[in-house]
Amino acid sequence: MKPVFAIALTFWMGLQASAAYALDAIENVISEQLDAFNDRDIPKAYGYASPMIKRIFGGHDNFAMMVERAFPMVWDNADKRFMSLREEAGAVFQKVFVRGDDGAAFILEYKMIETEAGWLIDGVSVLPAPDVSA
């Protein structure tokens, strides 16, 4: 019975290490893209987009225009904190608290995909603000 337990424990520890690596890699991709937007390094920011996003926008100029208009808190971000990571139907979603340059706070949910090149951003949604009324 002990060998089976040892194998199961080794497998579980391997899964934990893999999950921690994925979490670090996902957070790094999102951080790097947010920093690239602040630096106005649009080709670098575009490089973190998934192939689907790249097909939709067809180039980094169109991508930049969309981000600047639809996600001003990403275009000019002053602060970020990583929140929960979840998997749903094979997709991975990372919640991120972002404070825009104007001080407004947002919760964003990044849809991430793993490719041969590593983790890439496959979409971003602005989540509704939590109800804090009394």
N, C-alpha and C. Protein backbone atom coordinates (compact mmCIF):
# COMPACT_ATOMS: atom_id res chain seq x y z
N MET A 1 0.82 -1.19 0.00
CA MET A 1 0.00 0.00 0.00
C MET A 1 0.87 1.26 0.00
N LYS A 2 2.01 1.20 0.65
CA LYS A 2 2.87 2.37 0.71
C LYS A 2 3.38 2.80 -0.66
N PRO A 3 3.77 1.88 -1.56
CA PRO A 3 4.23 2.32 -2.88
C PRO A 3 3.14 3.07 -3.65
N VAL A 4 1.88 2.64 -3.53
CA VAL A 4 0.79 3.32 -4.22
C VAL A 4 0.64 4.74 -3.67
N PHE A 5 0.73 4.89 -2.35
CA PHE A 5 0.63 6.21 -1.73
C PHE A 5 1.78 7.10 -2.20
N ALA A 6 2.97 6.54 -2.26
CA ALA A 6 4.14 7.32 -2.68
C ALA A 6 3.97 7.79 -4.13
N ILE A 7 3.45 6.91 -4.99
CA ILE A 7 3.23 7.28 -6.38
C ILE A 7 2.17 8.37 -6.47
N ALA A 8 1.08 8.21 -5.72
CA ALA A 8 0.02 9.21 -5.74
C ALA A 8 0.52 10.55 -5.20
N LEU A 9 1.32 10.52 -4.14
CA LEU A 9 1.86 11.75 -3.57
C LEU A 9 2.80 12.43 -4.57
N THR A 10 3.64 11.66 -5.23
CA THR A 10 4.55 12.21 -6.23
C THR A 10 3.77 12.84 -7.38
N PHE A 11 2.72 12.17 -7.84
CA PHE A 11 1.88 12.69 -8.91
C PHE A 11 1.22 14.00 -8.47
N TRP A 12 0.65 14.02 -7.26
CA TRP A 12 -0.02 15.21 -6.73
C TRP A 12 0.97 16.37 -6.62
N MET A 13 2.17 16.11 -6.13
CA MET A 13 3.18 17.16 -5.99
C MET A 13 3.58 17.69 -7.37
N GLY A 14 3.65 16.81 -8.35
CA GLY A 14 3.96 17.23 -9.72
C GLY A 14 2.87 18.13 -10.27
N LEU A 15 1.61 17.80 -9.98
CA LEU A 15 0.50 18.66 -10.42
C LEU A 15 0.56 20.02 -9.75
N GLN A 16 0.89 20.05 -8.48
CA GLN A 16 0.98 21.32 -7.76
C GLN A 16 2.10 22.19 -8.34
N ALA A 17 3.23 21.60 -8.62
CA ALA A 17 4.35 22.34 -9.20
C ALA A 17 3.98 22.85 -10.59
N SER A 18 3.27 22.03 -11.37
CA SER A 18 2.85 22.43 -12.71
C SER A 18 1.85 23.59 -12.63
N ALA A 19 0.92 23.52 -11.69
CA ALA A 19 -0.06 24.59 -11.52
C ALA A 19 0.61 25.88 -11.09
N ALA A 20 1.58 25.80 -10.20
CA ALA A 20 2.29 26.99 -9.74
C ALA A 20 3.08 27.61 -10.90
N TYR A 21 3.70 26.76 -11.72
CA TYR A 21 4.44 27.26 -12.88
C TYR A 21 3.49 27.97 -13.84
N ALA A 22 2.33 27.35 -14.11
CA ALA A 22 1.35 27.96 -15.02
C ALA A 22 0.88 29.29 -14.47
N LEU A 23 0.59 29.36 -13.19
CA LEU A 23 0.13 30.60 -12.58
C LEU A 23 1.19 31.69 -12.74
N ASP A 24 2.44 31.38 -12.46
CA ASP A 24 3.53 32.36 -12.63
C ASP A 24 3.64 32.80 -14.08
N ALA A 25 3.54 31.86 -15.00
CA ALA A 25 3.67 32.19 -16.42
C ALA A 25 2.51 33.07 -16.88
N ILE A 26 1.30 32.77 -16.43
CA ILE A 26 0.12 33.56 -16.80
C ILE A 26 0.25 34.98 -16.25
N GLU A 27 0.60 35.09 -14.99
CA GLU A 27 0.76 36.42 -14.39
C GLU A 27 1.86 37.21 -15.09
N ASN A 28 2.92 36.55 -15.48
CA ASN A 28 4.02 37.22 -16.17
C ASN A 28 3.56 37.77 -17.53
N VAL A 29 2.80 36.98 -18.29
CA VAL A 29 2.32 37.42 -19.60
C VAL A 29 1.44 38.66 -19.45
N ILE A 30 0.50 38.62 -18.51
CA ILE A 30 -0.40 39.75 -18.31
C ILE A 30 0.38 40.98 -17.85
N SER A 31 1.29 40.80 -16.90
CA SER A 31 2.11 41.92 -16.42
C SER A 31 2.93 42.53 -17.54
N GLU A 32 3.55 41.68 -18.33
CA GLU A 32 4.38 42.17 -19.43
C GLU A 32 3.54 42.95 -20.44
N GLN A 33 2.33 42.46 -20.73
CA GLN A 33 1.50 43.19 -21.68
C GLN A 33 1.07 44.54 -21.10
N LEU A 34 0.66 44.57 -19.83
CA LEU A 34 0.28 45.83 -19.20
C LEU A 34 1.44 46.82 -19.20
N ASP A 35 2.63 46.34 -18.90
CA ASP A 35 3.81 47.21 -18.92
C ASP A 35 4.10 47.71 -20.34
N ALA A 36 3.92 46.84 -21.32
CA ALA A 36 4.16 47.24 -22.72
C ALA A 36 3.19 48.33 -23.14
N PHE A 37 1.93 48.24 -22.70
CA PHE A 37 0.98 49.31 -23.02
C PHE A 37 1.42 50.62 -22.38
N ASN A 38 1.84 50.58 -21.13
CA ASN A 38 2.31 51.80 -20.46
C ASN A 38 3.51 52.41 -21.19
N ASP A 39 4.37 51.54 -21.72
CA ASP A 39 5.56 52.00 -22.45
C ASP A 39 5.25 52.34 -23.90
N ARG A 40 4.01 52.10 -24.32
CA ARG A 40 3.57 52.30 -25.71
C ARG A 40 4.37 51.45 -26.68
N ASP A 41 4.81 50.29 -26.19
CA ASP A 41 5.48 49.31 -27.04
C ASP A 41 4.40 48.37 -27.58
N ILE A 42 3.67 48.86 -28.56
CA ILE A 42 2.49 48.15 -29.07
C ILE A 42 2.86 46.82 -29.73
N PRO A 43 3.93 46.74 -30.52
CA PRO A 43 4.29 45.43 -31.06
C PRO A 43 4.54 44.39 -29.95
N LYS A 44 5.17 44.80 -28.87
CA LYS A 44 5.40 43.86 -27.76
C LYS A 44 4.08 43.46 -27.12
N ALA A 45 3.19 44.43 -26.85
CA ALA A 45 1.89 44.12 -26.26
C ALA A 45 1.10 43.18 -27.17
N TYR A 46 1.14 43.43 -28.46
CA TYR A 46 0.44 42.61 -29.45
C TYR A 46 1.01 41.19 -29.47
N GLY A 47 2.27 41.05 -29.18
CA GLY A 47 2.91 39.74 -29.16
C GLY A 47 2.34 38.79 -28.12
N TYR A 48 1.67 39.32 -27.11
CA TYR A 48 1.06 38.49 -26.07
C TYR A 48 -0.37 38.09 -26.42
N ALA A 49 -0.87 38.53 -27.57
CA ALA A 49 -2.22 38.18 -28.01
C ALA A 49 -2.21 36.81 -28.69
N SER A 50 -3.31 36.10 -28.52
CA SER A 50 -3.45 34.77 -29.12
C SER A 50 -3.57 34.89 -30.64
N PRO A 51 -3.38 33.79 -31.35
CA PRO A 51 -3.56 33.80 -32.80
C PRO A 51 -4.96 34.27 -33.21
N MET A 52 -5.99 33.90 -32.44
CA MET A 52 -7.34 34.34 -32.77
C MET A 52 -7.46 35.86 -32.69
N ILE A 53 -6.93 36.46 -31.64
CA ILE A 53 -6.96 37.92 -31.49
C ILE A 53 -6.20 38.57 -32.64
N LYS A 54 -5.07 38.01 -32.99
CA LYS A 54 -4.29 38.56 -34.10
C LYS A 54 -5.03 38.48 -35.43
N ARG A 55 -5.78 37.39 -35.64
CA ARG A 55 -6.58 37.27 -36.87
C ARG A 55 -7.69 38.33 -36.89
N ILE A 56 -8.32 38.55 -35.74
CA ILE A 56 -9.42 39.52 -35.67
C ILE A 56 -8.93 40.92 -36.02
N PHE A 57 -7.79 41.32 -35.46
CA PHE A 57 -7.34 42.70 -35.63
C PHE A 57 -6.37 42.90 -36.79
N GLY A 58 -5.74 41.85 -37.25
CA GLY A 58 -4.93 41.93 -38.45
C GLY A 58 -3.64 42.73 -38.34
N GLY A 59 -3.32 43.22 -37.19
CA GLY A 59 -2.08 43.97 -37.00
C GLY A 59 -2.11 44.76 -35.71
N HIS A 60 -0.93 45.19 -35.28
CA HIS A 60 -0.85 45.83 -33.96
C HIS A 60 -1.48 47.22 -33.92
N ASP A 61 -1.56 47.93 -35.06
CA ASP A 61 -2.19 49.25 -35.06
C ASP A 61 -3.69 49.17 -34.74
N ASN A 62 -4.39 48.24 -35.39
CA ASN A 62 -5.82 48.06 -35.11
C ASN A 62 -6.04 47.57 -33.68
N PHE A 63 -5.17 46.69 -33.24
CA PHE A 63 -5.24 46.18 -31.87
C PHE A 63 -5.07 47.32 -30.87
N ALA A 64 -4.08 48.18 -31.10
CA ALA A 64 -3.83 49.31 -30.20
C ALA A 64 -5.03 50.25 -30.15
N MET A 65 -5.63 50.52 -31.31
CA MET A 65 -6.79 51.41 -31.35
C MET A 65 -7.95 50.82 -30.52
N MET A 66 -8.17 49.52 -30.64
CA MET A 66 -9.23 48.88 -29.88
C MET A 66 -8.95 48.96 -28.38
N VAL A 67 -7.74 48.66 -27.96
CA VAL A 67 -7.42 48.68 -26.53
C VAL A 67 -7.56 50.10 -25.99
N GLU A 68 -7.04 51.07 -26.70
CA GLU A 68 -7.12 52.45 -26.22
C GLU A 68 -8.57 52.90 -26.03
N ARG A 69 -9.44 52.50 -26.96
CA ARG A 69 -10.84 52.92 -26.89
C ARG A 69 -11.68 52.08 -25.92
N ALA A 70 -11.51 50.76 -25.97
CA ALA A 70 -12.38 49.88 -25.19
C ALA A 70 -11.85 49.57 -23.79
N PHE A 71 -10.54 49.67 -23.61
CA PHE A 71 -9.93 49.31 -22.33
C PHE A 71 -8.94 50.40 -21.88
N PRO A 72 -9.42 51.61 -21.62
CA PRO A 72 -8.50 52.68 -21.23
C PRO A 72 -7.73 52.36 -19.95
N MET A 73 -8.30 51.52 -19.08
CA MET A 73 -7.62 51.15 -17.85
C MET A 73 -6.45 50.19 -18.11
N VAL A 74 -6.45 49.56 -19.26
CA VAL A 74 -5.34 48.72 -19.68
C VAL A 74 -4.32 49.57 -20.42
N TRP A 75 -4.80 50.44 -21.28
CA TRP A 75 -3.93 51.32 -22.07
C TRP A 75 -3.05 52.18 -21.17
N ASP A 76 -3.65 52.73 -20.11
CA ASP A 76 -2.93 53.53 -19.12
C ASP A 76 -3.22 52.94 -17.75
N ASN A 77 -2.44 51.98 -17.34
CA ASN A 77 -2.67 51.32 -16.06
C ASN A 77 -1.65 51.77 -15.04
N ALA A 78 -2.14 52.00 -13.82
CA ALA A 78 -1.27 52.50 -12.76
C ALA A 78 -0.95 51.45 -11.71
N ASP A 79 -1.78 50.43 -11.61
CA ASP A 79 -1.61 49.43 -10.55
C ASP A 79 -2.30 48.15 -11.00
N LYS A 80 -1.76 47.02 -10.59
CA LYS A 80 -2.39 45.73 -10.88
C LYS A 80 -2.15 44.77 -9.73
N ARG A 81 -3.14 43.94 -9.46
CA ARG A 81 -3.02 42.87 -8.47
C ARG A 81 -3.74 41.65 -9.01
N PHE A 82 -3.08 40.53 -8.90
CA PHE A 82 -3.67 39.29 -9.40
C PHE A 82 -4.58 38.70 -8.35
N MET A 83 -5.70 38.22 -8.83
CA MET A 83 -6.71 37.65 -7.95
C MET A 83 -6.84 36.16 -8.28
N SER A 84 -8.05 35.67 -8.39
CA SER A 84 -8.26 34.23 -8.56
C SER A 84 -8.02 33.77 -9.99
N LEU A 85 -7.63 32.52 -10.08
CA LEU A 85 -7.45 31.83 -11.36
C LEU A 85 -8.45 30.69 -11.36
N ARG A 86 -9.15 30.52 -12.47
CA ARG A 86 -10.11 29.42 -12.55
C ARG A 86 -10.04 28.76 -13.92
N GLU A 87 -10.48 27.52 -13.93
CA GLU A 87 -10.58 26.78 -15.18
C GLU A 87 -12.03 26.43 -15.38
N GLU A 88 -12.51 26.64 -16.58
CA GLU A 88 -13.90 26.32 -16.90
C GLU A 88 -13.97 25.78 -18.31
N ALA A 89 -14.48 24.58 -18.44
CA ALA A 89 -14.65 23.94 -19.75
C ALA A 89 -13.35 23.97 -20.56
N GLY A 90 -12.25 23.72 -19.90
CA GLY A 90 -10.96 23.67 -20.57
C GLY A 90 -10.29 25.01 -20.81
N ALA A 91 -10.97 26.11 -20.46
CA ALA A 91 -10.38 27.44 -20.61
C ALA A 91 -9.89 27.92 -19.25
N VAL A 92 -8.86 28.75 -19.26
CA VAL A 92 -8.28 29.29 -18.03
C VAL A 92 -8.56 30.78 -17.98
N PHE A 93 -9.05 31.24 -16.83
CA PHE A 93 -9.41 32.64 -16.64
C PHE A 93 -8.68 33.20 -15.42
N GLN A 94 -8.03 34.34 -15.61
CA GLN A 94 -7.29 35.01 -14.53
C GLN A 94 -7.96 36.35 -14.24
N LYS A 95 -8.41 36.55 -13.00
CA LYS A 95 -8.95 37.85 -12.60
C LYS A 95 -7.80 38.75 -12.16
N VAL A 96 -7.89 40.01 -12.58
CA VAL A 96 -6.85 40.99 -12.26
C VAL A 96 -7.52 42.29 -11.84
N PHE A 97 -7.13 42.80 -10.69
CA PHE A 97 -7.54 44.13 -10.26
C PHE A 97 -6.62 45.11 -10.95
N VAL A 98 -7.20 46.08 -11.65
CA VAL A 98 -6.41 47.09 -12.35
C VAL A 98 -6.92 48.47 -11.96
N ARG A 99 -6.00 49.34 -11.68
CA ARG A 99 -6.35 50.74 -11.43
C ARG A 99 -5.85 51.53 -12.64
N GLY A 100 -6.78 52.26 -13.24
CA GLY A 100 -6.43 53.08 -14.38
C GLY A 100 -5.60 54.27 -13.95
N ASP A 101 -5.04 54.94 -14.93
CA ASP A 101 -4.21 56.12 -14.68
C ASP A 101 -5.01 57.23 -13.99
N ASP A 102 -6.35 57.19 -14.17
CA ASP A 102 -7.21 58.20 -13.55
C ASP A 102 -7.63 57.82 -12.13
N GLY A 103 -7.17 56.68 -11.64
CA GLY A 103 -7.49 56.23 -10.28
C GLY A 103 -8.68 55.31 -10.18
N ALA A 104 -9.44 55.16 -11.25
CA ALA A 104 -10.61 54.28 -11.23
C ALA A 104 -10.16 52.81 -11.16
N ALA A 105 -10.90 52.01 -10.38
CA ALA A 105 -10.56 50.60 -10.18
C ALA A 105 -11.48 49.70 -11.01
N PHE A 106 -10.90 48.63 -11.52
CA PHE A 106 -11.63 47.67 -12.35
C PHE A 106 -11.17 46.26 -12.02
N ILE A 107 -12.08 45.31 -12.23
CA ILE A 107 -11.72 43.90 -12.20
C ILE A 107 -11.82 43.41 -13.63
N LEU A 108 -10.72 42.90 -14.14
CA LEU A 108 -10.68 42.35 -15.49
C LEU A 108 -10.53 40.84 -15.40
N GLU A 109 -11.09 40.16 -16.37
CA GLU A 109 -10.90 38.71 -16.45
C GLU A 109 -10.25 38.39 -17.78
N TYR A 110 -9.05 37.87 -17.70
CA TYR A 110 -8.27 37.50 -18.88
C TYR A 110 -8.51 36.03 -19.19
N LYS A 111 -8.90 35.76 -20.43
CA LYS A 111 -8.97 34.38 -20.90
C LYS A 111 -7.61 34.04 -21.48
N MET A 112 -7.03 32.97 -20.99
CA MET A 112 -5.68 32.58 -21.38
C MET A 112 -5.71 31.24 -22.12
N ILE A 113 -4.81 31.11 -23.08
CA ILE A 113 -4.64 29.82 -23.75
C ILE A 113 -3.15 29.46 -23.73
N GLU A 114 -2.90 28.17 -23.64
CA GLU A 114 -1.52 27.70 -23.68
C GLU A 114 -1.22 27.23 -25.09
N THR A 115 -0.14 27.75 -25.66
CA THR A 115 0.28 27.40 -27.01
C THR A 115 1.69 26.82 -26.95
N GLU A 116 2.19 26.40 -28.08
CA GLU A 116 3.57 25.91 -28.13
C GLU A 116 4.55 27.00 -27.72
N ALA A 117 4.17 28.26 -27.95
CA ALA A 117 5.04 29.41 -27.60
C ALA A 117 4.85 29.84 -26.15
N GLY A 118 3.93 29.22 -25.42
CA GLY A 118 3.65 29.59 -24.04
C GLY A 118 2.24 30.14 -23.90
N TRP A 119 1.95 30.75 -22.77
CA TRP A 119 0.62 31.29 -22.51
C TRP A 119 0.41 32.60 -23.27
N LEU A 120 -0.80 32.75 -23.83
CA LEU A 120 -1.17 33.96 -24.56
C LEU A 120 -2.56 34.42 -24.12
N ILE A 121 -2.84 35.67 -24.35
CA ILE A 121 -4.12 36.27 -23.96
C ILE A 121 -5.11 36.09 -25.11
N ASP A 122 -6.24 35.46 -24.80
CA ASP A 122 -7.25 35.14 -25.80
C ASP A 122 -8.50 36.00 -25.66
N GLY A 123 -8.47 36.97 -24.75
CA GLY A 123 -9.60 37.87 -24.57
C GLY A 123 -9.58 38.47 -23.19
N VAL A 124 -10.24 39.61 -23.05
CA VAL A 124 -10.33 40.30 -21.76
C VAL A 124 -11.76 40.81 -21.62
N SER A 125 -12.31 40.63 -20.43
CA SER A 125 -13.64 41.15 -20.11
C SER A 125 -13.54 42.02 -18.88
N VAL A 126 -14.31 43.09 -18.87
CA VAL A 126 -14.44 43.92 -17.67
C VAL A 126 -15.60 43.35 -16.89
N LEU A 127 -15.34 42.95 -15.64
CA LEU A 127 -16.39 42.37 -14.82
C LEU A 127 -17.16 43.48 -14.12
N PRO A 128 -18.44 43.24 -13.84
CA PRO A 128 -19.21 44.25 -13.13
C PRO A 128 -18.62 44.48 -11.73
N ALA A 129 -18.70 45.72 -11.29
CA ALA A 129 -18.22 46.05 -9.95
C ALA A 129 -19.10 45.35 -8.93
N PRO A 130 -18.49 44.86 -7.84
CA PRO A 130 -19.31 44.21 -6.82
C PRO A 130 -20.25 45.21 -6.17
N ASP A 131 -21.43 44.73 -5.78
CA ASP A 131 -22.40 45.57 -5.10
C ASP A 131 -21.96 45.78 -3.67
N VAL A 132 -21.67 47.01 -3.32
CA VAL A 132 -21.21 47.31 -1.96
C VAL A 132 -22.20 48.20 -1.22
N SER A 133 -23.43 48.23 -1.73
CA SER A 133 -24.43 49.05 -1.05
C SER A 133 -24.87 48.38 0.25
N ALA A 134 -25.35 49.19 1.18
CA ALA A 134 -25.75 48.67 2.49
C ALA A 134 -27.15 48.15 2.48
